[in-house]
Amino acid sequence: MQLLTWEPQHSVGVQELDEQHKKIFAIINRLYDAMQTTDEKKNLGEILEEMRDYCDQHFSLEEKYFDLFHYEDRESHEAQHRFFREKSREFIQTYAVDGVTLSFDVLDFLEDWWFKHINNVDKKYTKCFQEHGLQ
């Protein structure tokens, strides 16, 4: 079962970034599946680290485009990235201490944050990015 499903309305109009968003959804779905399967619980830390690393890569690409295109909402957008990076570190540290369980609150946060971030924050850069040739 999937926690997050990619729908066309989530598109930010830039294929490269949409593909990265889809991969982030897939990682979160893997985390959700692993949390429900006793045999997979040992993989939770690895999945959390993969999510952190991939999201960091994704944020770095967006921020590169912010610089390149002089995106006007850059500062507030990057502040949200910093917040997410910090939360990811907290999740990994909490899991490292416990080592067995991960709260479903983490999944609630991830689901809520990513839906809001993509649909409300990322979509703000669509026009700017497309005006600079990204499709």
C-alpha atoms as a PDB file:
ATOM      1  CA  MET A   1       0.000   0.000   0.000  1.00  0.00           C
ATOM      2  CA  GLN A   2       1.226   3.479  -0.809  1.00  0.00           C
ATOM      3  CA  LEU A   3       1.106   6.346   1.634  1.00  0.00           C
ATOM      4  CA  LEU A   4       1.831   8.947  -1.060  1.00  0.00           C
ATOM      5  CA  THR A   5       0.606   8.750  -4.636  1.00  0.00           C
ATOM      6  CA  TRP A   6       1.958  11.014  -7.338  1.00  0.00           C
ATOM      7  CA  GLU A   7      -0.810  12.808  -9.204  1.00  0.00           C
ATOM      8  CA  PRO A   8      -0.462  15.180 -12.184  1.00  0.00           C
ATOM      9  CA  GLN A   9      -1.610  18.110 -10.025  1.00  0.00           C
ATOM     10  CA  HIS A  10       1.626  17.764  -8.010  1.00  0.00           C
ATOM     11  CA  SER A  11       3.720  18.688 -11.052  1.00  0.00           C
ATOM     12  CA  VAL A  12       5.842  21.815 -10.803  1.00  0.00           C
ATOM     13  CA  GLY A  13       6.148  21.935 -14.589  1.00  0.00           C
ATOM     14  CA  VAL A  14       9.814  20.917 -14.659  1.00  0.00           C
ATOM     15  CA  GLN A  15      10.310  17.257 -15.531  1.00  0.00           C
ATOM     16  CA  GLU A  16      13.660  16.876 -13.735  1.00  0.00           C
ATOM     17  CA  LEU A  17      12.209  18.167 -10.464  1.00  0.00           C
ATOM     18  CA  ASP A  18       8.968  16.212 -10.867  1.00  0.00           C
ATOM     19  CA  GLU A  19      11.018  13.023 -11.263  1.00  0.00           C
ATOM     20  CA  GLN A  20      12.913  13.838  -8.081  1.00  0.00           C
ATOM     21  CA  HIS A  21       9.660  14.511  -6.236  1.00  0.00           C
ATOM     22  CA  LYS A  22       8.345  11.132  -7.429  1.00  0.00           C
ATOM     23  CA  LYS A  23      11.481   9.448  -6.075  1.00  0.00           C
ATOM     24  CA  ILE A  24      11.005  11.190  -2.713  1.00  0.00           C
ATOM     25  CA  PHE A  25       7.434   9.864  -2.616  1.00  0.00           C
ATOM     26  CA  ALA A  26       8.795   6.381  -3.405  1.00  0.00           C
ATOM     27  CA  ILE A  27      11.340   6.575  -0.562  1.00  0.00           C
ATOM     28  CA  ILE A  28       8.635   7.662   1.883  1.00  0.00           C
ATOM     29  CA  ASN A  29       6.437   4.797   0.670  1.00  0.00           C
ATOM     30  CA  ARG A  30       9.312   2.353   1.252  1.00  0.00           C
ATOM     31  CA  LEU A  31       9.706   3.735   4.767  1.00  0.00           C
ATOM     32  CA  TYR A  32       5.967   3.276   5.341  1.00  0.00           C
ATOM     33  CA  ASP A  33       6.115  -0.323   4.100  1.00  0.00           C
ATOM     34  CA  ALA A  34       9.197  -1.092   6.198  1.00  0.00           C
ATOM     35  CA  MET A  35       7.558   0.282   9.337  1.00  0.00           C
ATOM     36  CA  GLN A  36       4.693  -2.174   8.907  1.00  0.00           C
ATOM     37  CA  THR A  37       6.791  -5.254   8.205  1.00  0.00           C
ATOM     38  CA  THR A  38       8.661  -6.849  11.089  1.00  0.00           C
ATOM     39  CA  ASP A  39      11.394  -8.225   8.814  1.00  0.00           C
ATOM     40  CA  GLU A  40      12.033  -4.804   7.285  1.00  0.00           C
ATOM     41  CA  LYS A  41      12.317  -2.791  10.514  1.00  0.00           C
ATOM     42  CA  LYS A  42      16.073  -3.283  10.454  1.00  0.00           C
ATOM     43  CA  ASN A  43      16.141  -1.215   7.227  1.00  0.00           C
ATOM     44  CA  LEU A  44      14.444   1.855   8.705  1.00  0.00           C
ATOM     45  CA  GLY A  45      17.721   3.633   9.474  1.00  0.00           C
ATOM     46  CA  GLU A  46      19.015   3.015   5.967  1.00  0.00           C
ATOM     47  CA  ILE A  47      15.804   4.311   4.407  1.00  0.00           C
ATOM     48  CA  LEU A  48      15.863   7.412   6.613  1.00  0.00           C
ATOM     49  CA  GLU A  49      19.451   8.093   5.585  1.00  0.00           C
ATOM     50  CA  GLU A  50      18.593   7.553   1.913  1.00  0.00           C
ATOM     51  CA  MET A  51      15.711  10.007   2.279  1.00  0.00           C
ATOM     52  CA  ARG A  52      17.951  12.582   3.942  1.00  0.00           C
ATOM     53  CA  ASP A  53      20.662  12.208   1.288  1.00  0.00           C
ATOM     54  CA  TYR A  54      18.287  12.259  -1.669  1.00  0.00           C
ATOM     55  CA  CYS A  55      16.328  15.238  -0.330  1.00  0.00           C
ATOM     56  CA  ASP A  56      19.595  17.073   0.228  1.00  0.00           C
ATOM     57  CA  GLN A  57      20.558  16.384  -3.387  1.00  0.00           C
ATOM     58  CA  HIS A  58      17.123  17.577  -4.544  1.00  0.00           C
ATOM     59  CA  PHE A  59      17.271  20.749  -2.449  1.00  0.00           C
ATOM     60  CA  SER A  60      20.774  21.485  -3.744  1.00  0.00           C
ATOM     61  CA  LEU A  61      19.522  21.310  -7.330  1.00  0.00           C
ATOM     62  CA  GLU A  62      16.608  23.621  -6.622  1.00  0.00           C
ATOM     63  CA  GLU A  63      18.942  26.036  -4.836  1.00  0.00           C
ATOM     64  CA  LYS A  64      21.341  25.961  -7.796  1.00  0.00           C
ATOM     65  CA  TYR A  65      18.468  27.072 -10.011  1.00  0.00           C
ATOM     66  CA  PHE A  66      17.496  29.754  -7.478  1.00  0.00           C
ATOM     67  CA  ASP A  67      21.000  31.211  -7.837  1.00  0.00           C
ATOM     68  CA  LEU A  68      21.131  30.834 -11.603  1.00  0.00           C
ATOM     69  CA  PHE A  69      17.729  32.438 -12.195  1.00  0.00           C
ATOM     70  CA  HIS A  70      17.799  34.946  -9.300  1.00  0.00           C
ATOM     71  CA  TYR A  71      14.606  33.473  -7.884  1.00  0.00           C
ATOM     72  CA  GLU A  72      12.931  36.152  -5.776  1.00  0.00           C
ATOM     73  CA  ASP A  73      11.508  33.861  -3.070  1.00  0.00           C
ATOM     74  CA  ARG A  74      14.821  32.109  -2.553  1.00  0.00           C
ATOM     75  CA  GLU A  75      15.404  33.007   1.102  1.00  0.00           C
ATOM     76  CA  SER A  76      12.086  31.756   2.454  1.00  0.00           C
ATOM     77  CA  HIS A  77      12.240  28.640   0.267  1.00  0.00           C
ATOM     78  CA  GLU A  78      15.749  27.795   1.465  1.00  0.00           C
ATOM     79  CA  ALA A  79      14.612  28.345   5.066  1.00  0.00           C
ATOM     80  CA  GLN A  80      12.065  25.568   4.535  1.00  0.00           C
ATOM     81  CA  HIS A  81      14.816  23.344   3.148  1.00  0.00           C
ATOM     82  CA  ARG A  82      16.925  24.011   6.249  1.00  0.00           C
ATOM     83  CA  PHE A  83      13.957  23.143   8.461  1.00  0.00           C
ATOM     84  CA  PHE A  84      13.437  19.846   6.639  1.00  0.00           C
ATOM     85  CA  ARG A  85      17.140  18.998   6.795  1.00  0.00           C
ATOM     86  CA  GLU A  86      17.117  19.566  10.562  1.00  0.00           C
ATOM     87  CA  LYS A  87      13.991  17.425  11.025  1.00  0.00           C
ATOM     88  CA  SER A  88      15.627  14.643   8.975  1.00  0.00           C
ATOM     89  CA  ARG A  89      18.667  14.735  11.261  1.00  0.00           C
ATOM     90  CA  GLU A  90      16.372  14.564  14.295  1.00  0.00           C
ATOM     91  CA  PHE A  91      14.539  11.525  12.882  1.00  0.00           C
ATOM     92  CA  ILE A  92      17.810   9.717  12.236  1.00  0.00           C
ATOM     93  CA  GLN A  93      19.172  10.554  15.688  1.00  0.00           C
ATOM     94  CA  THR A  94      15.955   9.431  17.373  1.00  0.00           C
ATOM     95  CA  TYR A  95      15.983   6.180  15.441  1.00  0.00           C
ATOM     96  CA  ALA A  96      19.669   5.631  16.259  1.00  0.00           C
ATOM     97  CA  VAL A  97      18.896   5.876  19.982  1.00  0.00           C
ATOM     98  CA  ASP A  98      15.864   3.578  19.837  1.00  0.00           C
ATOM     99  CA  GLY A  99      17.075   1.375  16.995  1.00  0.00           C
ATOM    100  CA  VAL A 100      13.875  -0.604  16.654  1.00  0.00           C
ATOM    101  CA  THR A 101      10.877   1.639  16.246  1.00  0.00           C
ATOM    102  CA  LEU A 102      10.050   4.783  14.419  1.00  0.00           C
ATOM    103  CA  SER A 103       6.990   6.801  15.267  1.00  0.00           C
ATOM    104  CA  PHE A 104       4.189   7.082  12.743  1.00  0.00           C
ATOM    105  CA  ASP A 105       4.358  10.793  13.603  1.00  0.00           C
ATOM    106  CA  VAL A 106       7.444  10.842  11.382  1.00  0.00           C
ATOM    107  CA  LEU A 107       5.372   9.585   8.455  1.00  0.00           C
ATOM    108  CA  ASP A 108       2.628  12.090   9.220  1.00  0.00           C
ATOM    109  CA  PHE A 109       5.224  14.850   9.163  1.00  0.00           C
ATOM    110  CA  LEU A 110       6.789  13.630   5.898  1.00  0.00           C
ATOM    111  CA  GLU A 111       3.454  13.223   4.132  1.00  0.00           C
ATOM    112  CA  ASP A 112       2.140  16.591   5.279  1.00  0.00           C
ATOM    113  CA  TRP A 113       5.393  18.497   4.706  1.00  0.00           C
ATOM    114  CA  TRP A 114       6.004  17.164   1.207  1.00  0.00           C
ATOM    115  CA  PHE A 115       2.438  17.684   0.010  1.00  0.00           C
ATOM    116  CA  LYS A 116       2.431  21.256   1.279  1.00  0.00           C
ATOM    117  CA  HIS A 117       5.965  21.972   0.102  1.00  0.00           C
ATOM    118  CA  ILE A 118       5.428  20.749  -3.453  1.00  0.00           C
ATOM    119  CA  ASN A 119       1.903  22.080  -3.909  1.00  0.00           C
ATOM    120  CA  ASN A 120       2.324  25.446  -2.193  1.00  0.00           C
ATOM    121  CA  VAL A 121       6.018  26.358  -2.087  1.00  0.00           C
ATOM    122  CA  ASP A 122       7.671  24.622  -5.053  1.00  0.00           C
ATOM    123  CA  LYS A 123       4.916  25.604  -7.475  1.00  0.00           C
ATOM    124  CA  LYS A 124       5.817  29.240  -6.850  1.00  0.00           C
ATOM    125  CA  TYR A 125       9.048  28.771  -8.826  1.00  0.00           C
ATOM    126  CA  THR A 126       7.374  27.183 -11.863  1.00  0.00           C
ATOM    127  CA  LYS A 127       6.979  30.422 -13.816  1.00  0.00           C
ATOM    128  CA  CYS A 128      10.529  31.599 -13.059  1.00  0.00           C
ATOM    129  CA  PHE A 129      12.094  28.254 -13.960  1.00  0.00           C
ATOM    130  CA  GLN A 130      10.076  27.885 -17.150  1.00  0.00           C
ATOM    131  CA  GLU A 131      10.913  31.443 -18.222  1.00  0.00           C
ATOM    132  CA  HIS A 132      14.559  30.373 -18.036  1.00  0.00           C
ATOM    133  CA  GLY A 133      14.012  27.358 -20.246  1.00  0.00           C
ATOM    134  CA  LEU A 134      13.359  24.528 -17.798  1.00  0.00           C
ATOM    135  CA  GLN A 135      10.516  22.263 -18.862  1.00  0.00           C
END
